[in-house]
Protein backbone atom coordinates (compact mmCIF):
# COMPACT_ATOMS: atom_id res chain seq x y z
CA MET A 1 78.91 112.38 82.00
CA GLU A 2 78.82 115.11 79.35
CA THR A 3 77.68 117.62 81.97
CA ASP A 4 80.69 116.67 84.11
CA LYS A 5 83.01 117.10 81.15
CA GLN A 6 81.54 120.50 80.32
CA ALA A 7 82.17 121.60 83.91
CA VAL A 8 85.80 120.57 83.51
CA ALA A 9 86.08 122.46 80.23
CA ASP A 10 84.47 125.55 81.75
CA TYR A 11 86.88 125.53 84.69
CA TRP A 12 90.04 125.32 82.57
CA SER A 13 88.65 127.81 80.06
CA GLU A 14 88.79 130.44 82.80
CA ALA A 15 92.56 129.99 83.17
CA SER A 16 94.92 127.35 81.87
CA CYS A 17 97.08 125.46 84.33
CA GLY A 18 100.09 127.57 85.29
CA GLU A 19 98.70 130.78 83.81
CA ARG A 20 99.28 132.62 87.08
CA TYR A 21 103.03 132.25 86.46
CA SER A 22 102.74 134.09 83.16
CA THR A 23 104.27 137.58 83.51
CA GLY A 24 105.76 140.16 81.17
CA ARG A 25 104.65 142.76 78.66
CA THR A 26 104.70 140.72 75.47
CA ARG A 27 103.04 137.44 74.56
CA LEU A 28 106.45 135.80 74.17
CA SER A 29 107.76 137.02 77.53
CA ARG A 30 104.60 135.89 79.30
CA LEU A 31 104.81 132.42 77.80
CA ASP A 32 108.54 132.10 78.43
CA SER A 33 108.18 133.23 82.05
CA GLN A 34 105.51 130.59 82.62
CA ALA A 35 107.77 127.85 81.24
CA GLU A 36 110.73 129.04 83.28
CA GLU A 37 108.73 128.93 86.50
CA ARG A 38 107.22 125.56 85.60
CA TYR A 39 110.60 123.89 85.28
CA ARG A 40 111.99 125.69 88.32
CA LEU A 41 109.17 124.36 90.50
CA GLU A 42 109.01 120.96 88.81
CA PRO A 43 112.52 120.12 87.57
CA TYR A 44 111.59 116.42 87.58
CA ILE A 45 109.35 117.00 84.55
CA ARG A 46 112.34 116.98 82.23
CA ASP A 47 113.52 113.57 83.43
CA PHE A 48 110.01 112.13 83.30
CA ALA A 49 109.13 113.51 79.87
CA ASP A 50 112.56 112.67 78.41
CA PHE A 51 112.14 115.23 75.64
CA PRO A 52 115.30 114.21 73.69
CA ALA A 53 113.85 110.71 73.25
CA ALA A 54 111.20 112.23 70.97
CA SER A 55 113.76 112.78 68.21
CA GLY A 56 112.54 111.08 65.05
CA LYS A 57 109.48 109.64 66.83
CA ARG A 58 105.74 110.14 66.42
CA VAL A 59 104.63 112.00 69.54
CA HIS A 60 101.20 112.84 70.91
CA GLU A 61 100.56 115.06 73.92
CA ILE A 62 97.17 114.87 75.63
CA GLY A 63 96.37 118.11 77.45
CA VAL A 64 98.85 120.67 76.19
CA GLY A 65 97.97 123.37 78.73
CA MET A 66 100.05 126.45 77.95
CA GLY A 67 102.37 124.44 75.71
CA ALA A 68 105.65 124.52 77.64
CA ASP A 69 106.23 120.77 77.34
CA HIS A 70 104.93 120.77 73.78
CA LEU A 71 107.62 123.25 72.78
CA GLU A 72 110.30 121.06 74.36
CA PHE A 73 109.08 118.10 72.33
CA ALA A 74 109.17 120.25 69.18
CA LYS A 75 112.79 121.21 69.88
CA ALA A 76 113.69 117.50 69.86
CA GLN A 77 112.66 117.31 66.18
CA PRO A 78 110.15 114.45 66.27
CA ALA A 79 108.91 112.87 63.05
CA LEU A 80 105.39 113.93 64.06
CA LEU A 81 104.06 116.02 66.93
CA ILE A 82 100.35 116.41 67.60
CA GLY A 83 98.70 117.86 70.69
CA ILE A 84 95.15 118.11 71.94
CA ASP A 85 93.35 119.86 74.75
CA LEU A 86 89.77 120.08 75.93
CA THR A 87 89.81 123.90 75.78
CA GLU A 88 90.33 126.38 73.01
CA ARG A 89 92.23 128.61 75.45
CA ALA A 90 95.00 126.03 75.89
CA VAL A 91 95.14 125.28 72.18
CA GLU A 92 95.64 128.96 71.37
CA PHE A 93 98.34 129.36 74.02
CA THR A 94 100.22 126.38 72.60
CA LYS A 95 99.85 127.46 68.99
CA ASP A 96 101.17 130.92 69.88
CA ARG A 97 104.09 129.50 71.81
CA LEU A 98 105.24 127.23 69.00
CA LYS A 99 104.80 129.91 66.32
CA LEU A 100 106.75 132.45 68.36
CA HIS A 101 109.62 129.96 68.56
CA GLY A 102 109.56 129.18 64.84
CA PHE A 103 107.58 125.92 64.79
CA VAL A 104 104.42 124.98 62.93
CA PRO A 105 101.93 123.64 65.50
CA ALA A 106 99.52 120.76 65.01
CA VAL A 107 97.26 121.29 68.00
CA GLN A 108 93.50 120.93 68.23
CA VAL A 109 90.56 120.76 70.60
CA ALA A 110 89.68 117.12 71.27
CA ASP A 111 88.51 114.74 73.98
CA ALA A 112 91.00 112.40 75.67
CA GLU A 113 88.28 109.78 75.96
CA GLU A 114 87.77 109.75 72.18
CA LEU A 115 91.10 110.49 70.51
CA PRO A 116 90.62 111.33 66.82
CA PHE A 117 93.52 109.16 65.65
CA ARG A 118 93.94 105.71 64.18
CA ASP A 119 95.17 102.73 66.13
CA GLU A 120 98.95 102.53 66.61
CA SER A 121 99.56 106.09 65.36
CA PHE A 122 102.26 107.14 67.86
CA ASP A 123 105.51 105.98 69.39
CA ILE A 124 105.16 108.20 72.47
CA VAL A 125 102.02 109.40 74.22
CA TYR A 126 102.62 111.98 76.95
CA SER A 127 100.13 113.49 79.36
CA TYR A 128 101.15 115.39 82.48
CA GLY A 129 98.53 116.12 85.11
CA VAL A 130 95.54 115.86 82.80
CA LEU A 131 93.74 112.51 82.64
CA HIS A 132 92.57 112.61 86.27
CA HIS A 133 90.32 115.51 85.21
CA SER A 134 88.54 113.35 82.65
CA PRO A 135 85.29 111.89 84.02
CA ASP A 136 86.24 108.44 82.71
CA THR A 137 89.98 108.16 83.30
CA PRO A 138 90.13 104.40 82.57
CA ARG A 139 88.61 105.06 79.16
CA ALA A 140 91.23 107.73 78.49
CA ILE A 141 93.99 105.27 79.43
CA ARG A 142 92.51 102.72 77.02
CA GLU A 143 92.73 105.38 74.32
CA VAL A 144 96.41 105.90 75.15
CA TYR A 145 96.95 102.18 74.68
CA ARG A 146 94.97 102.11 71.43
CA VAL A 147 96.90 104.88 69.68
CA LEU A 148 100.33 103.65 70.78
CA ALA A 149 102.27 101.45 68.39
CA PRO A 150 103.62 98.13 69.73
CA GLY A 151 106.71 98.92 71.78
CA GLY A 152 105.51 102.49 72.21
CA ILE A 153 105.84 104.35 75.49
CA GLY A 154 103.16 106.11 77.50
CA ARG A 155 104.39 108.69 80.00
CA ILE A 156 101.38 109.65 82.06
CA MET A 157 101.12 111.62 85.29
CA ILE A 158 97.86 111.31 87.19
CA TYR A 159 97.12 112.29 90.76
CA HIS A 160 98.03 110.00 93.67
CA ARG A 161 95.37 109.72 96.36
CA TYR A 162 97.68 109.20 99.34
CA SER A 163 99.61 112.41 98.96
CA MET A 164 100.57 115.28 101.23
CA VAL A 165 98.26 117.50 99.18
CA GLY A 166 95.40 115.11 99.93
CA TYR A 167 96.19 115.04 103.63
CA LEU A 168 96.33 118.83 103.80
CA LEU A 169 93.03 119.12 101.96
CA TRP A 170 91.52 116.63 104.43
CA LEU A 171 92.73 118.76 107.35
CA ARG A 172 91.06 121.83 105.85
CA TYR A 173 87.87 120.37 104.35
CA GLY A 174 87.50 117.29 106.53
CA LEU A 175 88.79 117.72 110.08
CA LEU A 176 88.54 121.51 110.41
CA ALA A 177 85.20 121.52 108.58
CA GLY A 178 83.76 119.14 111.16
CA ALA A 179 83.62 116.24 108.69
CA PRO A 180 86.57 113.99 109.62
CA SER A 181 84.97 110.97 107.92
CA ARG A 182 84.81 112.75 104.56
CA PRO A 183 86.77 110.48 102.17
CA LEU A 184 89.77 111.68 100.20
CA ARG A 185 88.00 110.77 96.97
CA GLU A 186 85.27 113.31 97.70
CA ILE A 187 87.74 115.93 98.89
CA TYR A 188 89.76 115.78 95.68
CA SER A 189 86.60 115.89 93.61
CA ARG A 190 85.14 118.91 95.36
CA TYR A 191 88.10 121.00 96.50
CA LEU A 192 91.32 120.47 94.56
CA GLU A 193 90.86 121.79 91.03
CA SER A 194 88.17 121.33 88.38
CA PRO A 195 84.92 119.65 89.48
CA GLY A 196 85.28 115.89 89.67
CA THR A 197 89.09 115.82 89.86
CA GLN A 198 90.21 112.29 90.75
CA ALA A 199 93.20 110.80 92.52
CA PHE A 200 94.12 107.13 92.38
CA THR A 201 95.94 104.53 94.42
CA LYS A 202 98.88 102.69 92.87
CA GLU A 203 96.74 99.56 92.74
CA GLU A 204 94.04 101.38 90.79
CA ALA A 205 96.64 102.73 88.39
CA LEU A 206 98.07 99.27 87.78
CA GLU A 207 94.57 98.03 87.00
CA MET A 208 94.01 100.83 84.47
CA PHE A 209 97.36 100.04 82.81
CA ARG A 210 97.00 96.26 83.00
CA HIS A 211 97.09 95.79 79.22
CA PHE A 212 100.56 97.33 78.93
CA ARG A 213 103.57 95.03 78.77
CA THR A 214 105.53 96.84 81.48
CA VAL A 215 104.50 99.53 83.96
CA SER A 216 106.61 101.48 86.44
CA ILE A 217 105.22 103.95 88.98
CA SER A 218 106.79 106.52 91.27
CA THR A 219 105.18 109.11 93.55
CA PRO A 220 107.88 111.63 94.54
CA LEU A 221 107.07 114.70 96.57
CA GLY A 222 106.38 117.73 94.40
CA PHE A 223 106.35 121.47 94.99
CA ASP A 224 102.65 121.35 95.82
CA ASP A 225 103.18 118.66 98.48
CA LEU A 226 105.86 120.88 100.01
CA LEU A 227 103.71 124.02 99.75
CA GLN A 228 106.13 125.81 97.47
CA GLY A 229 104.98 128.25 94.84
CA GLU A 230 101.27 128.83 94.25
CA VAL A 231 99.01 126.01 95.37
CA GLY A 232 96.24 125.47 92.83
CA GLN A 233 93.90 128.01 91.33
CA ARG A 234 91.25 127.68 94.03
CA HIS A 235 93.27 128.14 97.20
CA ARG A 236 94.08 131.45 98.89
CA GLY A 237 93.86 133.04 102.31
CA LEU A 238 95.51 133.62 105.65
CA LEU A 239 95.33 129.99 106.80
CA LEU A 240 97.23 128.81 103.74
CA SER A 241 99.82 131.58 104.09
CA LEU A 242 100.41 130.67 107.73
CA THR A 243 100.62 126.96 106.96
CA LYS A 244 103.22 127.60 104.25
CA ARG A 245 105.38 129.52 106.73
CA LEU A 246 105.20 126.84 109.44
CA TYR A 247 105.24 123.75 107.24
CA PRO A 248 108.01 121.28 108.32
CA ARG A 249 109.34 120.48 104.86
CA TRP A 250 112.45 118.72 106.15
CA LEU A 251 110.29 116.35 108.21
CA ILE A 252 107.88 115.69 105.34
CA LYS A 253 110.79 114.78 103.06
CA LYS A 254 112.15 112.38 105.65
CA VAL A 255 108.92 110.67 106.74
CA PHE A 256 106.75 110.81 103.60
CA PRO A 257 109.17 110.76 100.62
CA ASP A 258 106.78 108.81 98.38
CA HIS A 259 103.55 110.59 99.28
CA GLY A 260 103.62 112.95 96.33
CA LEU A 261 100.55 114.13 94.45
CA GLY A 262 102.03 113.31 91.06
CA MET A 263 101.92 109.61 90.17
CA MET A 264 104.53 109.24 87.45
CA ILE A 265 103.68 106.29 85.23
CA ARG A 266 105.86 104.92 82.45
CA ALA A 267 104.15 102.16 80.49
CA GLU A 268 105.37 100.21 77.46
CA LYS A 269 102.89 98.64 75.07
C-alpha cells in the first residue's frame, strides 16, 4: 500500500493538477492564470464548494493542488483554514498563492488516510478530485467523517466510473487495443492519471458515506467529458486531437447528461 502511495506522490510531484494552465512571467501571474482557466473550464466548482459559506467556519481542504480553491476559502474569512496535500510541490504553490494575495497560509504535507487533526475539528471538509487517488479511499472518507463536527458538511468530489471519460478511455485502451473485455476499473487505474486512480459507482459512494446523516450525489458532465480544454496530463496525440474536433458534444449533453466524471458529493454529519 505504501508503494502505491509513493507512486501517487511521485506522479503529482512532477506537476500539480492544472499546472499546464499556468502562464505568465511572474509567479503571481502564473498562479492567477491557472485559477482563471480552472473556473472558466469548471464554473460549477464555485456552486459546489460554496466558498461564502466558509465565513466564520473551521475549514479543512484535503488536496490543495495549486491552491486556487484554497484562496477562495481564505477570501471568505473563515475562523480557521487548514490545507494538506501529499506533495511538497502543491504545498509550496498554495503557500505562495496565499502569501501573494496577503494571507497567512496554514498548509502542510500530510496523508488523507491519516489526517493529523483531532476528532470534530472542522465545520467544513472540502476535497475536489483528490481522494480517488488515495489507495484506500474508504479510509480517507472515514477520516473526513472523524474530523467533522456534528452537523458539519463534507463536500467531496471523487471520480464516477460510468462517465464519458471512462467510455472514451475504454474505446482507446480497451476496444482499439484489442482488449474489449478490459474493465473500466483497470482502465482508470492504468491510464487516466496517477497509478491506481479509482472511479466509483454511486452505490459504492453511498456505502463509503453510509455513516453520514444525509448524502446527496450528482454527476454532471464536465469539461473533460466534453473534451474541452486539456485532457489530463498523460494524454496527447493525433487521435485525441481528431476526436476533439469530431466529438458530438450536443448529442452527449442530450443523451448522457449525468455521465460526468466528477461525482459531486455533499454529506452532512
